Amino acid sequence: MPLPDAPDYSKRIYELLKETDLENLTYSQFQGVAEKLFIEPENEDEMRRLVLVQLARMAVRGDWDGFLSGSAGTIQGTTTEDLIAFGAASADTITKDAGIAVVTKGGGASSVIKVGGINIGASYVSVNSTNGTLTLRSDGTGQIFLNSGSEYGGTYSDTTVNVMKNALSDTNQIKFRDTVNSENATLTETSGELNVKSNVDTKDITLETKTTGVIRIKNQTTNTDTQLNVQGNGTGTPKINLSNDTKAVTIQCDESQKLKVIGGSDDFIFDVSSATGGITFPDGTVQNTAASGGGGGSGLGVVLVPSGLGSSVSSYDTYVISNQLPYVTSSFDGASENFWVNNPRYWPFIAPADGDISEIKFRVGTGQSGANMLVGIYSDAGGYPGAQIAAGSADVSSSGYKTITTITGSVTVEANKQYWFGQVLDVTRTVFVGWGHANATCSKMIPTNGTTTTAIALSGNADTNSLPSSAPVISGATGEARMYTLIQIT
């Protein structure tokens, strides 16, 4: 039946929509019929029919597209409240900065808004599909912040972020990934055990502090031991590397109950498997009892320099190293001795003090024109000369004391530590004679079979008129005398 007080004939609404049912009537079809209708008394009946059709369409479809397009189709309160528009113009959408508020009539906090696949409300944001995924996304280089606030009366101070699972035995996991790789690194907790893992080959995990900050591993239970376990995978070797830009040492365990300390080329092994395990030195010798030295001595038969000397002797910093006990037993400045110095000769000394070698001095008996004496300081490697650590040279074309102040390499020595002194002419010897310690006044360096031996130095016949920078090849012992030699340590 027609609307009350209206003719039963529709000139526009029913005429244009008469072949369309409500289920298939789209908003665009409805809009095309309705938007050309002028607002005037003659069209009052058609406008009533327009509202009736749209209400019927809404009842069938269960949605709301609005009656008309543009700013005219708004739902609004007073002019001071928010305006929610269903048009295209952004200015018609929200006319106030307060945003959108969905408040239930009863004032509860359980209201939920469904936006696509996401539910928002009831103090949470969640997906509304089984095992769905939720993404928080910024734009470009923008950042995402999780922080507390004070808008509702709280005090903005601490912020706590919880990664929560259902039960203790379940797994919490944070993954660091990119658009291709799903697990570059992971932070995983299962049953209270925390695992930090880098999953990309040859990549490190770095913990850094600043200035004097310290990295600590501490047990939170009072009076309880703390254990740091460096564990190799399977049969892999556990290692600890201590290093900076110029220095390094490695501690590792590649045998059960044995600790190995590794330097640049040599290592020491501490065997703690039994009371007789001992220490294995780089030359293969083993010491399983503590060494003891004489009172005030170095433990190596050399008396070290007393500490705390007065100002009257504070400038006494030059030491004779060619006649140290136990290597030389008499006159520190012996006599003119003939040296066979076309090949290097090496002899040991103990550094009597800590410091830097600033000067090397030796004495020449007879000079040789055009000749230079090459000298070097070598580390000790199991009782033999090791690598060269410092070197210098001096003109020996005349007799007398020769002083070297230009010394290359590392000049630092440690008290109570054995080093080696090496010497050789840089040209073939003809008339050169050094001044120093005769064979008779020097202790012997190598064991004997009970007969007399004259060996007081080691010879390196693999080199001629030169000193090697690496550990020299020793061809044997020799009885040739040493030059009277001093070093200044500052």
Protein backbone atom coordinates (compact mmCIF):
# COMPACT_ATOMS: atom_id res chain seq x y z
CA MET A 1 0.00 0.00 0.00
CA PRO A 2 1.32 3.55 -0.57
CA LEU A 3 2.64 5.85 2.10
CA PRO A 4 -0.03 7.73 4.06
CA ASP A 5 -1.40 10.75 2.17
CA ALA A 6 0.77 9.91 -0.85
CA PRO A 7 -0.24 8.95 -4.35
CA ASP A 8 0.38 5.38 -5.32
CA TYR A 9 2.51 6.36 -8.25
CA SER A 10 6.27 7.09 -7.89
CA LYS A 11 7.67 9.16 -10.69
CA ARG A 12 11.36 8.45 -9.81
CA ILE A 13 12.27 6.12 -6.91
CA TYR A 14 10.05 3.14 -7.64
CA GLU A 15 10.14 3.73 -11.39
CA LEU A 16 13.96 3.53 -11.59
CA LEU A 17 14.40 0.69 -9.06
CA LYS A 18 11.40 -1.48 -9.90
CA GLU A 19 13.45 -4.25 -11.51
CA THR A 20 16.02 -4.51 -8.63
CA ASP A 21 15.57 -6.53 -5.44
CA LEU A 22 16.87 -5.38 -2.03
CA GLU A 23 19.55 -8.11 -1.82
CA ASN A 24 21.26 -6.94 -5.00
CA LEU A 25 20.68 -3.20 -4.65
CA THR A 26 24.13 -1.59 -4.31
CA TYR A 27 24.82 1.69 -2.66
CA SER A 28 26.04 3.21 -5.92
CA GLN A 29 22.73 2.28 -7.62
CA PHE A 30 20.76 3.73 -4.74
CA GLN A 31 22.90 6.87 -4.72
CA GLY A 32 22.46 7.39 -8.47
CA VAL A 33 18.69 7.45 -8.04
CA ALA A 34 18.66 9.56 -4.88
CA GLU A 35 21.25 12.27 -5.39
CA LYS A 36 19.40 14.06 -8.24
CA LEU A 37 16.28 14.55 -6.13
CA PHE A 38 15.66 18.23 -5.40
CA ILE A 39 14.63 19.23 -1.90
CA GLU A 40 11.26 20.90 -2.40
CA PRO A 41 7.62 20.35 -1.31
CA GLU A 42 6.72 18.65 -4.58
CA ASN A 43 9.29 15.87 -3.82
CA GLU A 44 8.25 15.18 -0.24
CA ASP A 45 6.62 11.85 -1.11
CA GLU A 46 9.68 10.74 -3.13
CA MET A 47 12.01 11.60 -0.22
CA ARG A 48 9.88 9.51 2.14
CA ARG A 49 10.13 6.63 -0.36
CA LEU A 50 13.93 7.23 -0.51
CA VAL A 51 14.28 6.76 3.27
CA LEU A 52 12.06 3.71 3.20
CA VAL A 53 14.10 2.01 0.46
CA GLN A 54 17.41 2.68 2.23
CA LEU A 55 16.11 1.39 5.58
CA ALA A 56 14.84 -1.73 3.86
CA ARG A 57 18.15 -2.19 2.09
CA MET A 58 20.03 -1.84 5.42
CA ALA A 59 17.79 -4.43 7.06
CA VAL A 60 18.62 -6.95 4.31
CA ARG A 61 22.36 -6.24 3.92
CA GLY A 62 23.26 -5.44 7.54
CA ASP A 63 25.57 -2.53 6.65
CA TRP A 64 25.52 1.25 6.49
CA ASP A 65 26.87 3.25 3.57
CA GLY A 66 25.10 6.52 4.32
CA PHE A 67 22.38 8.16 2.35
CA LEU A 68 24.34 10.56 0.19
CA SER A 69 27.97 11.38 -0.64
CA GLY A 70 30.11 14.32 0.46
CA SER A 71 29.95 16.53 3.50
CA ALA A 72 26.22 16.50 3.57
CA GLY A 73 26.21 12.89 4.83
CA THR A 74 27.52 13.39 8.41
CA ILE A 75 26.45 12.18 11.81
CA GLN A 76 27.13 14.92 14.28
CA GLY A 77 26.39 16.25 17.72
CA THR A 78 26.68 19.89 18.64
CA THR A 79 29.14 22.19 16.91
CA THR A 80 31.65 21.76 19.74
CA GLU A 81 31.70 17.97 19.66
CA ASP A 82 33.44 15.52 17.31
CA LEU A 83 31.98 15.16 13.82
CA ILE A 84 32.20 11.75 12.13
CA ALA A 85 31.72 11.98 8.37
CA PHE A 86 31.10 9.40 5.67
CA GLY A 87 32.35 11.55 2.83
CA ALA A 88 35.62 11.81 0.91
CA ALA A 89 36.88 15.11 2.29
CA SER A 90 39.41 14.64 5.10
CA ALA A 91 38.26 17.82 6.82
CA ASP A 92 34.80 16.32 7.26
CA THR A 93 36.05 13.27 9.11
CA ILE A 94 37.08 14.58 12.55
CA THR A 95 36.72 18.26 13.36
CA LYS A 96 38.30 18.00 16.80
CA ASP A 97 41.65 16.67 18.09
CA ALA A 98 40.05 14.49 20.78
CA GLY A 99 39.87 11.49 18.40
CA ILE A 100 37.20 8.79 18.48
CA ALA A 101 35.77 7.49 21.75
CA VAL A 102 33.59 4.39 21.96
CA VAL A 103 31.87 4.39 25.35
CA THR A 104 29.28 1.88 26.48
CA LYS A 105 26.14 3.17 28.12
CA GLY A 106 27.02 1.36 31.32
CA GLY A 107 30.52 2.89 31.35
CA GLY A 108 32.35 -0.46 31.40
CA ALA A 109 35.81 -1.12 29.99
CA SER A 110 35.00 -4.22 27.95
CA SER A 111 34.02 -2.55 24.65
CA VAL A 112 35.88 -3.91 21.62
CA ILE A 113 36.10 -2.40 18.13
CA LYS A 114 36.70 -4.74 15.24
CA VAL A 115 38.84 -3.20 12.48
CA GLY A 116 39.45 -5.73 9.73
CA GLY A 117 41.39 -8.61 11.30
CA ILE A 118 42.16 -6.72 14.53
CA ASN A 119 40.20 -6.22 17.75
CA ILE A 120 40.90 -3.02 19.72
CA GLY A 121 39.58 -2.54 23.24
CA ALA A 122 39.26 -4.13 26.68
CA SER A 123 42.87 -3.02 27.38
CA TYR A 124 44.35 -5.00 24.52
CA VAL A 125 44.96 -5.10 20.76
CA SER A 126 44.64 -8.57 19.24
CA VAL A 127 44.00 -10.42 16.01
CA ASN A 128 40.59 -12.03 15.60
CA SER A 129 41.68 -15.13 13.66
CA THR A 130 43.18 -18.44 14.83
CA ASN A 131 47.02 -18.21 15.15
CA GLY A 132 46.88 -14.81 13.45
CA THR A 133 49.83 -12.39 13.30
CA LEU A 134 49.85 -8.76 14.52
CA THR A 135 52.28 -6.14 13.17
CA LEU A 136 53.17 -2.74 14.65
CA ARG A 137 54.68 -0.72 11.83
CA SER A 138 56.34 2.68 11.58
CA ASP A 139 57.18 4.44 8.31
CA GLY A 140 60.66 4.72 6.77
CA THR A 141 63.19 5.33 9.53
CA GLY A 142 60.46 5.99 12.10
CA GLN A 143 60.65 4.28 15.47
CA ILE A 144 58.21 2.34 17.65
CA PHE A 145 58.09 3.30 21.35
CA LEU A 146 56.65 1.34 24.27
CA ASN A 147 56.46 3.63 27.27
CA SER A 148 54.35 4.45 30.30
CA GLY A 149 52.36 7.69 30.63
CA SER A 150 50.49 9.93 33.06
CA GLU A 151 47.28 10.94 31.18
CA TYR A 152 44.96 9.18 33.65
CA GLY A 153 46.59 10.21 36.93
CA GLY A 154 49.56 7.82 37.13
CA THR A 155 53.20 8.87 37.61
CA TYR A 156 55.39 8.51 34.53
CA SER A 157 58.54 6.76 35.74
CA ASP A 158 59.38 3.09 35.17
CA THR A 159 58.13 1.17 32.14
CA THR A 160 57.87 -2.63 32.15
CA VAL A 161 57.44 -4.67 28.96
CA ASN A 162 56.27 -8.25 29.49
CA VAL A 163 56.79 -11.10 27.03
CA MET A 164 54.31 -13.58 28.47
CA LYS A 165 53.66 -17.24 27.71
CA ASN A 166 51.00 -19.58 29.12
CA ALA A 167 53.06 -21.96 31.31
CA LEU A 168 56.61 -22.17 32.70
CA SER A 169 57.52 -25.03 30.36
CA ASP A 170 56.38 -23.08 27.28
CA THR A 171 58.79 -20.90 25.28
CA ASN A 172 59.16 -17.12 25.10
CA GLN A 173 61.20 -15.94 22.11
CA ILE A 174 62.27 -12.65 20.55
CA LYS A 175 63.58 -12.95 16.98
CA PHE A 176 65.83 -10.47 15.18
CA ARG A 177 65.21 -10.88 11.46
CA ASP A 178 65.14 -9.21 8.06
CA THR A 179 62.80 -9.48 5.05
CA VAL A 180 64.55 -12.70 3.92
CA ASN A 181 65.98 -14.41 7.01
CA SER A 182 63.60 -15.24 9.86
CA GLU A 183 66.15 -15.86 12.64
CA ASN A 184 69.38 -13.83 12.38
CA ALA A 185 69.55 -13.83 16.18
CA THR A 186 67.20 -15.02 18.91
CA LEU A 187 66.57 -14.40 22.60
CA THR A 188 64.77 -17.48 23.98
CA GLU A 189 63.47 -18.45 27.43
CA THR A 190 62.20 -21.94 28.28
CA SER A 191 61.44 -23.05 31.85
CA GLY A 192 63.43 -20.09 33.15
CA GLU A 193 66.58 -20.83 31.09
CA LEU A 194 67.64 -17.92 28.88
CA ASN A 195 69.47 -18.46 25.59
CA VAL A 196 71.05 -15.67 23.50
CA LYS A 197 72.00 -16.98 20.08
CA SER A 198 73.55 -15.57 16.88
CA ASN A 199 72.34 -17.75 14.00
CA VAL A 200 74.51 -16.32 11.20
CA ASP A 201 77.89 -17.99 10.54
CA THR A 202 81.07 -16.26 11.90
CA LYS A 203 79.11 -13.44 13.57
CA ASP A 204 79.85 -12.35 17.15
CA ILE A 205 77.88 -11.43 20.25
CA THR A 206 79.41 -8.31 21.84
CA LEU A 207 78.84 -6.88 25.32
CA GLU A 208 80.18 -3.33 25.64
CA THR A 209 80.50 -0.89 28.53
CA LYS A 210 81.67 2.72 28.54
CA THR A 211 84.60 4.41 30.33
CA THR A 212 85.17 2.43 33.57
CA GLY A 213 82.07 0.27 33.28
CA VAL A 214 82.40 -3.41 34.23
CA ILE A 215 80.62 -6.47 32.82
CA ARG A 216 79.54 -8.66 35.74
CA ILE A 217 78.21 -12.19 36.05
CA LYS A 218 76.60 -12.54 39.45
CA ASN A 219 74.46 -15.08 41.29
CA GLN A 220 71.35 -13.37 42.72
CA THR A 221 71.15 -15.84 45.63
CA THR A 222 73.13 -14.60 48.66
CA ASN A 223 76.30 -16.55 49.59
CA THR A 224 76.05 -18.78 46.53
CA ASP A 225 78.88 -19.60 44.11
CA THR A 226 78.81 -18.16 40.58
CA GLN A 227 80.03 -20.32 37.69
CA LEU A 228 81.16 -19.16 34.24
CA ASN A 229 81.21 -22.08 31.81
CA VAL A 230 83.01 -21.66 28.45
CA GLN A 231 81.80 -24.73 26.59
CA GLY A 232 83.04 -26.11 23.28
CA ASN A 233 80.43 -27.86 21.14
CA GLY A 234 81.01 -31.63 21.11
CA THR A 235 84.80 -32.11 20.95
CA GLY A 236 85.43 -28.41 20.20
CA THR A 237 88.08 -26.68 22.31
CA PRO A 238 86.88 -24.12 24.90
CA LYS A 239 89.02 -20.95 24.65
CA ILE A 240 89.28 -17.56 26.34
CA ASN A 241 91.10 -14.88 24.36
CA LEU A 242 92.39 -11.81 26.21
CA SER A 243 93.38 -9.05 23.80
CA ASN A 244 93.51 -5.41 22.86
CA ASP A 245 94.75 -3.71 19.70
CA THR A 246 98.41 -4.65 20.34
CA LYS A 247 98.49 -7.53 22.85
CA ALA A 248 96.87 -10.94 23.10
CA VAL A 249 97.05 -14.22 25.01
CA THR A 250 94.80 -17.28 24.77
CA ILE A 251 93.77 -19.67 27.54
CA GLN A 252 92.31 -22.97 26.38
CA CYS A 253 91.52 -26.50 27.51
CA ASP A 254 92.29 -29.01 24.75
CA GLU A 255 93.13 -31.87 27.15
CA SER A 256 91.16 -32.99 30.18
CA GLN A 257 92.26 -31.22 33.41
CA LYS A 258 95.02 -29.32 31.59
CA LEU A 259 95.08 -25.56 31.07
CA LYS A 260 97.15 -24.19 28.20
CA VAL A 261 98.31 -20.57 28.06
CA ILE A 262 99.23 -19.68 24.46
CA GLY A 263 101.36 -16.73 23.37
CA GLY A 264 102.46 -15.71 19.90
CA SER A 265 104.52 -18.84 19.23
CA ASP A 266 104.96 -20.71 22.52
CA ASP A 267 102.70 -22.08 25.23
CA PHE A 268 102.72 -23.28 28.84
CA ILE A 269 100.61 -26.21 30.02
CA PHE A 270 99.35 -26.43 33.60
CA ASP A 271 98.48 -30.04 34.43
CA VAL A 272 96.09 -30.20 37.41
CA SER A 273 95.08 -33.84 36.98
CA SER A 274 97.23 -34.84 39.97
CA ALA A 275 99.68 -33.44 42.52
CA THR A 276 102.58 -34.43 40.23
CA GLY A 277 101.09 -32.97 37.05
CA GLY A 278 103.28 -29.87 37.01
CA ILE A 279 103.95 -27.14 34.44
CA THR A 280 105.16 -27.96 30.93
CA PHE A 281 107.41 -25.22 29.51
CA PRO A 282 107.75 -24.35 25.80
CA ASP A 283 110.97 -26.42 25.52
CA GLY A 284 109.10 -29.52 26.74
CA THR A 285 110.57 -29.60 30.24
CA VAL A 286 108.20 -30.22 33.15
CA GLN A 287 108.38 -28.68 36.61
CA ASN A 288 106.19 -30.21 39.31
CA THR A 289 107.72 -28.60 42.43
CA ALA A 290 108.00 -24.92 43.30
CA ALA A 291 111.29 -23.22 42.52
CA SER A 292 112.99 -21.35 45.35
CA GLY A 293 115.60 -18.63 45.23
CA GLY A 294 118.08 -17.22 47.75
CA GLY A 295 117.07 -14.41 50.10
CA GLY A 296 116.87 -11.14 48.19
CA GLY A 297 117.87 -12.88 44.96
CA SER A 298 116.07 -13.53 41.69
CA GLY A 299 115.87 -17.28 41.96
CA LEU A 300 118.21 -17.44 38.96
CA GLY A 301 121.49 -16.85 40.79
CA VAL A 302 121.55 -13.09 40.12
CA VAL A 303 121.12 -10.46 42.83
CA LEU A 304 118.54 -7.88 41.69
CA VAL A 305 118.84 -4.14 42.19
CA PRO A 306 117.60 -3.01 45.65
CA SER A 307 114.43 -0.95 45.59
CA GLY A 308 114.00 2.43 47.31
CA LEU A 309 117.55 3.73 46.86
CA GLY A 310 118.20 7.27 48.04
CA SER A 311 118.56 10.32 45.82
CA SER A 312 122.36 10.08 45.92
CA VAL A 313 122.29 6.93 43.78
CA SER A 314 119.08 7.55 41.83
CA SER A 315 121.08 8.16 38.63
CA TYR A 316 122.85 4.79 38.86
CA ASP A 317 121.13 3.09 35.93
CA THR A 318 123.88 1.31 33.93
CA TYR A 319 124.46 -2.40 34.42
CA VAL A 320 127.28 -4.70 33.31
CA ILE A 321 125.57 -7.68 31.67
CA SER A 322 128.64 -9.45 30.25
CA ASN A 323 130.01 -10.60 33.62
CA GLN A 324 126.85 -11.54 35.58
CA LEU A 325 126.94 -14.43 37.99
CA PRO A 326 126.78 -17.32 37.34
CA TYR A 327 128.07 -16.68 33.81
CA VAL A 328 131.28 -14.78 34.73
CA THR A 329 133.24 -15.30 37.93
CA SER A 330 136.05 -12.72 38.00
CA SER A 331 137.30 -9.43 36.55
CA PHE A 332 134.49 -7.38 35.01
CA ASP A 333 136.94 -5.64 32.63
CA GLY A 334 139.41 -8.33 31.62
CA ALA A 335 141.80 -7.94 28.71
CA SER A 336 142.10 -7.58 24.97
CA GLU A 337 140.65 -10.75 23.46
CA ASN A 338 140.61 -11.97 19.88
CA PHE A 339 137.00 -12.54 18.67
CA TRP A 340 136.03 -14.74 15.75
CA VAL A 341 133.01 -12.62 14.84
CA ASN A 342 132.21 -13.37 11.17
CA ASN A 343 129.32 -15.42 12.54
CA PRO A 344 127.03 -14.26 15.39
CA ARG A 345 127.75 -15.17 18.99
CA TYR A 346 125.05 -15.23 21.67
CA TRP A 347 125.22 -15.27 25.47
CA PRO A 348 122.53 -14.93 28.19
CA PHE A 349 121.92 -12.30 30.83
CA ILE A 350 119.26 -11.60 33.47
CA ALA A 351 117.60 -8.17 33.37
CA PRO A 352 118.51 -6.60 36.75
CA ALA A 353 115.67 -4.04 36.68
CA ASP A 354 112.38 -3.15 35.00
CA GLY A 355 112.51 -0.43 32.36
CA ASP A 356 113.58 0.52 28.86
CA ILE A 357 117.07 -0.02 27.43
CA SER A 358 118.16 3.49 26.46
CA GLU A 359 121.85 2.79 25.82
CA ILE A 360 124.13 -0.16 24.92
CA LYS A 361 127.88 0.24 25.46
CA PHE A 362 130.82 -2.09 24.72
CA ARG A 363 134.60 -1.82 24.56
CA VAL A 364 136.86 -2.29 21.52
CA GLY A 365 140.55 -3.30 21.85
CA THR A 366 141.62 -2.85 18.21
CA GLY A 367 139.42 -1.14 15.63
CA GLN A 368 138.92 -2.14 11.99
CA SER A 369 138.34 0.50 9.32
CA GLY A 370 134.91 0.40 7.70
CA ALA A 371 133.50 -2.11 10.19
CA ASN A 372 130.36 -1.84 12.31
CA MET A 373 129.39 -4.03 15.25
CA LEU A 374 125.81 -5.29 15.02
CA VAL A 375 124.17 -6.04 18.37
CA GLY A 376 120.75 -7.47 19.26
CA ILE A 377 118.64 -8.30 22.30
CA TYR A 378 116.74 -11.59 22.00
CA SER A 379 114.02 -13.18 24.10
CA ASP A 380 114.65 -16.53 25.79
CA ALA A 381 113.00 -19.64 24.35
CA GLY A 382 113.62 -22.62 26.59
CA GLY A 383 117.28 -21.81 27.25
CA TYR A 384 118.06 -20.69 23.68
CA PRO A 385 117.81 -17.31 21.94
CA GLY A 386 114.26 -16.63 20.72
CA ALA A 387 113.03 -13.80 18.52
CA GLN A 388 114.96 -10.55 18.28
CA ILE A 389 113.23 -7.80 20.27
CA ALA A 390 115.73 -4.91 19.83
CA ALA A 391 118.76 -4.10 17.68
CA GLY A 392 121.42 -1.44 17.07
CA SER A 393 124.89 -0.89 15.60
CA ALA A 394 128.07 1.13 16.22
CA ASP A 395 131.17 2.11 14.21
CA VAL A 396 134.17 0.08 15.44
CA SER A 397 136.87 1.56 13.24
CA SER A 398 138.72 2.74 16.37
CA SER A 399 139.39 1.41 19.87
CA GLY A 400 137.66 2.43 23.09
CA TYR A 401 134.09 2.46 24.39
CA LYS A 402 131.33 2.51 21.76
CA THR A 403 127.84 3.71 22.69
CA ILE A 404 124.58 2.90 20.89
CA THR A 405 121.61 5.15 21.65
CA THR A 406 119.54 4.49 18.50
CA ILE A 407 117.86 1.19 19.30
CA THR A 408 115.05 -0.22 17.18
CA GLY A 409 112.31 -2.63 18.27
CA SER A 410 110.92 -3.16 21.75
CA VAL A 411 113.41 -1.89 24.34
CA THR A 412 111.38 -2.82 27.45
CA VAL A 413 112.84 -5.51 29.74
CA GLU A 414 111.49 -7.13 32.91
CA ALA A 415 113.55 -7.68 36.04
CA ASN A 416 114.36 -11.31 36.87
CA LYS A 417 113.80 -12.39 33.26
CA GLN A 418 116.47 -14.00 31.05
CA TYR A 419 117.39 -12.46 27.68
CA TRP A 420 120.18 -13.06 25.14
CA PHE A 421 122.75 -10.64 23.75
CA GLY A 422 123.94 -11.18 20.16
CA GLN A 423 126.95 -9.63 18.37
CA VAL A 424 128.65 -9.82 14.97
CA LEU A 425 130.67 -7.59 12.61
CA ASP A 426 128.91 -6.49 9.42
CA VAL A 427 132.09 -7.16 7.34
CA THR A 428 134.69 -9.92 7.32
CA ARG A 429 137.00 -9.61 10.31
CA THR A 430 140.65 -8.82 9.59
CA VAL A 431 142.20 -6.99 12.54
CA PHE A 432 139.30 -6.33 14.88
CA VAL A 433 139.89 -7.26 18.54
CA GLY A 434 137.32 -6.85 21.27
CA TRP A 435 138.07 -6.03 24.90
CA GLY A 436 136.32 -8.23 27.41
CA HIS A 437 136.19 -11.41 29.42
CA ALA A 438 138.57 -14.22 28.69
CA ASN A 439 137.41 -17.81 28.58
CA ALA A 440 139.19 -18.56 31.83
CA THR A 441 137.11 -16.04 33.76
CA CYS A 442 133.71 -17.19 32.49
CA SER A 443 131.48 -19.92 33.83
CA LYS A 444 130.64 -22.69 31.41
CA MET A 445 127.19 -22.69 29.82
CA ILE A 446 126.57 -26.34 29.00
CA PRO A 447 126.87 -29.61 30.96
CA THR A 448 129.95 -31.75 30.49
CA ASN A 449 130.78 -35.43 30.74
CA GLY A 450 133.31 -34.75 33.49
CA THR A 451 136.09 -33.43 31.27
CA THR A 452 137.06 -29.79 30.74
CA THR A 453 134.88 -27.65 28.49
CA THR A 454 135.44 -24.09 27.31
CA ALA A 455 131.94 -23.35 26.03
CA ILE A 456 130.80 -19.90 27.21
CA ALA A 457 128.70 -18.69 24.23
CA LEU A 458 126.50 -20.08 21.48
CA SER A 459 127.43 -19.71 17.82
CA GLY A 460 125.09 -19.14 14.90
CA ASN A 461 127.08 -20.22 11.88
CA ALA A 462 124.00 -20.14 9.63
CA ASP A 463 124.39 -16.34 9.43
CA THR A 464 127.44 -14.44 8.20
CA ASN A 465 128.11 -10.80 9.11
CA SER A 466 124.44 -10.30 10.00
CA LEU A 467 122.03 -10.83 12.90
CA PRO A 468 118.71 -12.60 12.25
CA SER A 469 115.47 -10.89 13.30
CA SER A 470 113.84 -14.22 14.14
CA ALA A 471 115.11 -16.93 16.48
CA PRO A 472 118.67 -17.75 15.33
CA VAL A 473 119.79 -21.20 14.24
CA ILE A 474 122.34 -22.36 16.83
CA SER A 475 125.15 -24.49 15.45
CA GLY A 476 126.85 -25.22 18.76
CA ALA A 477 128.73 -23.81 21.75
CA THR A 478 132.02 -21.93 21.57
CA GLY A 479 134.78 -20.90 23.92
CA GLU A 480 135.37 -17.47 22.43
CA ALA A 481 135.45 -14.58 24.89
CA ARG A 482 132.79 -11.93 25.32
CA MET A 483 133.18 -8.19 24.92
CA TYR A 484 132.77 -6.09 28.02
CA THR A 485 129.13 -4.94 27.60
CA LEU A 486 126.82 -2.61 29.54
CA ILE A 487 123.18 -1.56 29.16
CA GLN A 488 121.43 1.49 30.59
CA ILE A 489 117.87 0.86 31.85
CA THR A 490 115.66 3.88 32.50
